[in-house]
Amino acid sequence: MKSVHTFVSIKPPTGNPGDVSSPQWNDVHQSGFTPTTYAASGIVPPTVDYIRASGGAAGIQLQLTPATVNVNGASGQTQVNQAYFAKKVDAGAGAVSFVSLNGELIEGQASYELTQQGQWAIFIWNPGVNGQAGFWEVFGGQPA
């Protein structure tokens, strides 16, 4: 499963696009996450949705891959940006550090860290507009 999901109505433009009675609904409206476990440093490809990371004792560094896909729909073309859902799953002392593959900033910083078990973040690629450089936006939370 990819982070970029295409949602296409199976009804014609004159039909009800909210109708979910068709037997093909799940064929054309696929969504969800495929968890990928990381316990060592590496590059996270855009095909990954959900990152389950263990920092261990020394910590790891994961490189996020910026990506944008143009999706054609009934109302025209829409640009969909890469999103990663990440969670630190271990209680080890090592942090899970995220950087951008091409050096783009993450919330204005060179890196973003998850340091506690259960800490999570959602990374969303913003390609920038009008000559503005692309960057990563982060929505995150601390464990309860």
C-alpha atoms as a PDB file:
ATOM      1  CA  MET A   1       0.000   0.000   0.000  1.00  0.00           C
ATOM      2  CA  LYS A   2       1.345   3.437  -0.860  1.00  0.00           C
ATOM      3  CA  SER A   3       1.005   6.643   1.121  1.00  0.00           C
ATOM      4  CA  VAL A   4      -0.609   8.243  -1.895  1.00  0.00           C
ATOM      5  CA  HIS A   5      -4.057   6.715  -2.280  1.00  0.00           C
ATOM      6  CA  THR A   6      -6.349   7.347  -5.209  1.00  0.00           C
ATOM      7  CA  PHE A   7     -10.022   7.646  -4.370  1.00  0.00           C
ATOM      8  CA  VAL A   8     -12.164   7.500  -7.477  1.00  0.00           C
ATOM      9  CA  SER A   9     -15.942   7.488  -7.529  1.00  0.00           C
ATOM     10  CA  ILE A  10     -17.286   4.519  -9.447  1.00  0.00           C
ATOM     11  CA  LYS A  11     -20.442   6.465 -10.243  1.00  0.00           C
ATOM     12  CA  PRO A  12     -20.617   8.577 -13.420  1.00  0.00           C
ATOM     13  CA  PRO A  13     -20.494  12.388 -12.960  1.00  0.00           C
ATOM     14  CA  THR A  14     -24.315  12.444 -12.991  1.00  0.00           C
ATOM     15  CA  GLY A  15     -24.534   9.773 -10.268  1.00  0.00           C
ATOM     16  CA  ASN A  16     -24.131   9.996  -6.517  1.00  0.00           C
ATOM     17  CA  PRO A  17     -20.375   9.914  -5.751  1.00  0.00           C
ATOM     18  CA  GLY A  18     -21.119   9.102  -2.093  1.00  0.00           C
ATOM     19  CA  ASP A  19     -22.923   5.875  -2.957  1.00  0.00           C
ATOM     20  CA  VAL A  20     -21.099   2.919  -1.368  1.00  0.00           C
ATOM     21  CA  SER A  21     -23.502   0.210  -2.467  1.00  0.00           C
ATOM     22  CA  SER A  22     -21.402  -1.037  -5.373  1.00  0.00           C
ATOM     23  CA  PRO A  23     -19.686  -4.438  -4.961  1.00  0.00           C
ATOM     24  CA  GLN A  24     -16.491  -2.844  -6.382  1.00  0.00           C
ATOM     25  CA  TRP A  25     -16.239  -0.226  -3.596  1.00  0.00           C
ATOM     26  CA  ASN A  26     -13.152  -1.788  -2.006  1.00  0.00           C
ATOM     27  CA  ASP A  27     -11.515  -2.282  -5.405  1.00  0.00           C
ATOM     28  CA  VAL A  28     -11.467   1.438  -6.180  1.00  0.00           C
ATOM     29  CA  HIS A  29     -11.458   2.960  -2.701  1.00  0.00           C
ATOM     30  CA  GLN A  30      -8.493   1.238  -1.137  1.00  0.00           C
ATOM     31  CA  SER A  31      -6.948   2.866   1.899  1.00  0.00           C
ATOM     32  CA  GLY A  32      -5.071   1.910   5.020  1.00  0.00           C
ATOM     33  CA  PHE A  33      -1.521   1.494   6.224  1.00  0.00           C
ATOM     34  CA  THR A  34       1.168  -1.082   5.765  1.00  0.00           C
ATOM     35  CA  PRO A  35       3.425  -1.022   8.858  1.00  0.00           C
ATOM     36  CA  THR A  36       7.140  -1.112   8.129  1.00  0.00           C
ATOM     37  CA  THR A  37       9.555  -1.804  10.970  1.00  0.00           C
ATOM     38  CA  TYR A  38      12.911  -0.017  11.184  1.00  0.00           C
ATOM     39  CA  ALA A  39      15.595  -0.924  13.726  1.00  0.00           C
ATOM     40  CA  ALA A  40      18.553   0.441  11.737  1.00  0.00           C
ATOM     41  CA  SER A  41      19.291   3.669   9.879  1.00  0.00           C
ATOM     42  CA  GLY A  42      18.125   3.880   6.286  1.00  0.00           C
ATOM     43  CA  ILE A  43      16.056   5.546   3.577  1.00  0.00           C
ATOM     44  CA  VAL A  44      12.268   5.389   3.868  1.00  0.00           C
ATOM     45  CA  PRO A  45      10.790   5.010   0.361  1.00  0.00           C
ATOM     46  CA  PRO A  46       7.541   6.739  -0.612  1.00  0.00           C
ATOM     47  CA  THR A  47       5.775   3.355  -0.701  1.00  0.00           C
ATOM     48  CA  VAL A  48       5.861   3.230   3.125  1.00  0.00           C
ATOM     49  CA  ASP A  49       2.864   4.542   5.088  1.00  0.00           C
ATOM     50  CA  TYR A  50       3.465   3.658   8.701  1.00  0.00           C
ATOM     51  CA  ILE A  51       6.915   3.562  10.330  1.00  0.00           C
ATOM     52  CA  ARG A  52       7.347   1.469  13.501  1.00  0.00           C
ATOM     53  CA  ALA A  53      10.844   2.450  14.633  1.00  0.00           C
ATOM     54  CA  SER A  54      13.156   1.196  17.381  1.00  0.00           C
ATOM     55  CA  GLY A  55      16.004   3.474  18.383  1.00  0.00           C
ATOM     56  CA  GLY A  56      17.730   0.820  20.512  1.00  0.00           C
ATOM     57  CA  ALA A  57      20.596   1.970  22.708  1.00  0.00           C
ATOM     58  CA  ALA A  58      22.484   4.083  20.144  1.00  0.00           C
ATOM     59  CA  GLY A  59      19.632   5.545  18.058  1.00  0.00           C
ATOM     60  CA  ILE A  60      18.913   5.415  14.341  1.00  0.00           C
ATOM     61  CA  GLN A  61      18.440   7.955  11.548  1.00  0.00           C
ATOM     62  CA  LEU A  62      15.731   7.590   8.920  1.00  0.00           C
ATOM     63  CA  GLN A  63      15.732   9.619   5.700  1.00  0.00           C
ATOM     64  CA  LEU A  64      12.267  10.661   4.505  1.00  0.00           C
ATOM     65  CA  THR A  65      11.691  10.737   0.737  1.00  0.00           C
ATOM     66  CA  PRO A  66       9.817  13.809  -0.531  1.00  0.00           C
ATOM     67  CA  ALA A  67       7.218  12.896  -3.161  1.00  0.00           C
ATOM     68  CA  THR A  68       4.283  14.449  -4.968  1.00  0.00           C
ATOM     69  CA  VAL A  69       1.894  12.613  -7.262  1.00  0.00           C
ATOM     70  CA  ASN A  70      -0.636  14.129  -9.656  1.00  0.00           C
ATOM     71  CA  VAL A  71      -3.959  12.294  -9.464  1.00  0.00           C
ATOM     72  CA  ASN A  72      -6.572  12.627 -12.216  1.00  0.00           C
ATOM     73  CA  GLY A  73     -10.158  12.686 -11.029  1.00  0.00           C
ATOM     74  CA  ALA A  74     -13.589  13.649 -12.283  1.00  0.00           C
ATOM     75  CA  SER A  75     -13.038  17.291 -11.307  1.00  0.00           C
ATOM     76  CA  GLY A  76      -9.538  17.503 -12.795  1.00  0.00           C
ATOM     77  CA  GLN A  77      -6.012  16.947 -11.618  1.00  0.00           C
ATOM     78  CA  THR A  78      -5.084  17.151  -7.930  1.00  0.00           C
ATOM     79  CA  GLN A  79      -1.614  17.147  -6.407  1.00  0.00           C
ATOM     80  CA  VAL A  80      -1.199  14.706  -3.494  1.00  0.00           C
ATOM     81  CA  ASN A  81       1.864  14.983  -1.263  1.00  0.00           C
ATOM     82  CA  GLN A  82       3.775  12.275   0.613  1.00  0.00           C
ATOM     83  CA  ALA A  83       2.757  11.532   4.204  1.00  0.00           C
ATOM     84  CA  TYR A  84       4.443   9.257   6.743  1.00  0.00           C
ATOM     85  CA  PHE A  85       2.997   8.136  10.087  1.00  0.00           C
ATOM     86  CA  ALA A  86       5.805   7.274  12.509  1.00  0.00           C
ATOM     87  CA  LYS A  87       5.970   5.884  16.044  1.00  0.00           C
ATOM     88  CA  LYS A  88       8.855   4.988  18.365  1.00  0.00           C
ATOM     89  CA  VAL A  89       7.922   1.531  19.627  1.00  0.00           C
ATOM     90  CA  ASP A  90      10.806   0.676  21.956  1.00  0.00           C
ATOM     91  CA  ALA A  91      11.875   1.940  25.377  1.00  0.00           C
ATOM     92  CA  GLY A  92      15.572   2.103  24.433  1.00  0.00           C
ATOM     93  CA  ALA A  93      17.606   5.214  25.147  1.00  0.00           C
ATOM     94  CA  GLY A  94      18.406   5.824  21.470  1.00  0.00           C
ATOM     95  CA  ALA A  95      16.326   8.357  19.576  1.00  0.00           C
ATOM     96  CA  VAL A  96      14.712   7.819  16.201  1.00  0.00           C
ATOM     97  CA  SER A  97      15.929  10.790  14.184  1.00  0.00           C
ATOM     98  CA  PHE A  98      14.301  11.859  10.905  1.00  0.00           C
ATOM     99  CA  VAL A  99      15.998  13.892   8.170  1.00  0.00           C
ATOM    100  CA  SER A 100      14.919  14.647   4.614  1.00  0.00           C
ATOM    101  CA  LEU A 101      16.616  12.647   1.868  1.00  0.00           C
ATOM    102  CA  ASN A 102      17.588  15.810  -0.029  1.00  0.00           C
ATOM    103  CA  GLY A 103      18.319  18.004   2.988  1.00  0.00           C
ATOM    104  CA  GLU A 104      14.990  19.860   3.134  1.00  0.00           C
ATOM    105  CA  LEU A 105      13.981  21.239   6.517  1.00  0.00           C
ATOM    106  CA  ILE A 106      11.579  19.511   8.904  1.00  0.00           C
ATOM    107  CA  GLU A 107       9.576  22.156  10.781  1.00  0.00           C
ATOM    108  CA  GLY A 108      12.439  24.603  10.157  1.00  0.00           C
ATOM    109  CA  GLN A 109      15.098  22.249  11.551  1.00  0.00           C
ATOM    110  CA  ALA A 110      17.615  19.866   9.998  1.00  0.00           C
ATOM    111  CA  SER A 111      16.094  16.899  11.862  1.00  0.00           C
ATOM    112  CA  TYR A 112      13.191  15.769  14.035  1.00  0.00           C
ATOM    113  CA  GLU A 113      13.498  13.204  16.845  1.00  0.00           C
ATOM    114  CA  LEU A 114      11.236  10.762  18.600  1.00  0.00           C
ATOM    115  CA  THR A 115      12.850  10.058  21.966  1.00  0.00           C
ATOM    116  CA  GLN A 116      10.236   8.275  24.093  1.00  0.00           C
ATOM    117  CA  GLN A 117       8.408   4.996  23.669  1.00  0.00           C
ATOM    118  CA  GLY A 118       4.976   5.689  22.190  1.00  0.00           C
ATOM    119  CA  GLN A 119       5.931   9.116  20.837  1.00  0.00           C
ATOM    120  CA  TRP A 120       4.581   9.632  17.335  1.00  0.00           C
ATOM    121  CA  ALA A 121       4.632  12.093  14.438  1.00  0.00           C
ATOM    122  CA  ILE A 122       2.958  12.583  11.087  1.00  0.00           C
ATOM    123  CA  PHE A 123       5.313  13.977   8.434  1.00  0.00           C
ATOM    124  CA  ILE A 124       3.650  15.697   5.462  1.00  0.00           C
ATOM    125  CA  TRP A 125       5.653  16.881   2.447  1.00  0.00           C
ATOM    126  CA  ASN A 126       4.966  20.455   1.302  1.00  0.00           C
ATOM    127  CA  PRO A 127       6.597  21.062  -2.110  1.00  0.00           C
ATOM    128  CA  GLY A 128       6.441  24.852  -1.731  1.00  0.00           C
ATOM    129  CA  VAL A 129       4.965  27.318  -4.203  1.00  0.00           C
ATOM    130  CA  ASN A 130       6.174  30.293  -6.252  1.00  0.00           C
ATOM    131  CA  GLY A 131       9.846  29.384  -5.930  1.00  0.00           C
ATOM    132  CA  GLN A 132       9.624  28.579  -2.216  1.00  0.00           C
ATOM    133  CA  ALA A 133      11.724  25.584  -1.215  1.00  0.00           C
ATOM    134  CA  GLY A 134       9.924  22.391  -0.239  1.00  0.00           C
ATOM    135  CA  PHE A 135       9.788  21.371   3.431  1.00  0.00           C
ATOM    136  CA  TRP A 136       8.258  18.843   5.820  1.00  0.00           C
ATOM    137  CA  GLU A 137       5.425  19.753   8.170  1.00  0.00           C
ATOM    138  CA  VAL A 138       5.048  17.702  11.362  1.00  0.00           C
ATOM    139  CA  PHE A 139       2.037  16.883  13.460  1.00  0.00           C
ATOM    140  CA  GLY A 140       3.103  14.976  16.553  1.00  0.00           C
ATOM    141  CA  GLY A 141       2.210  13.815  20.008  1.00  0.00           C
ATOM    142  CA  GLN A 142       3.721  12.622  23.228  1.00  0.00           C
ATOM    143  CA  PRO A 143       2.747   9.374  24.961  1.00  0.00           C
ATOM    144  CA  ALA A 144       0.077   9.639  27.646  1.00  0.00           C
END
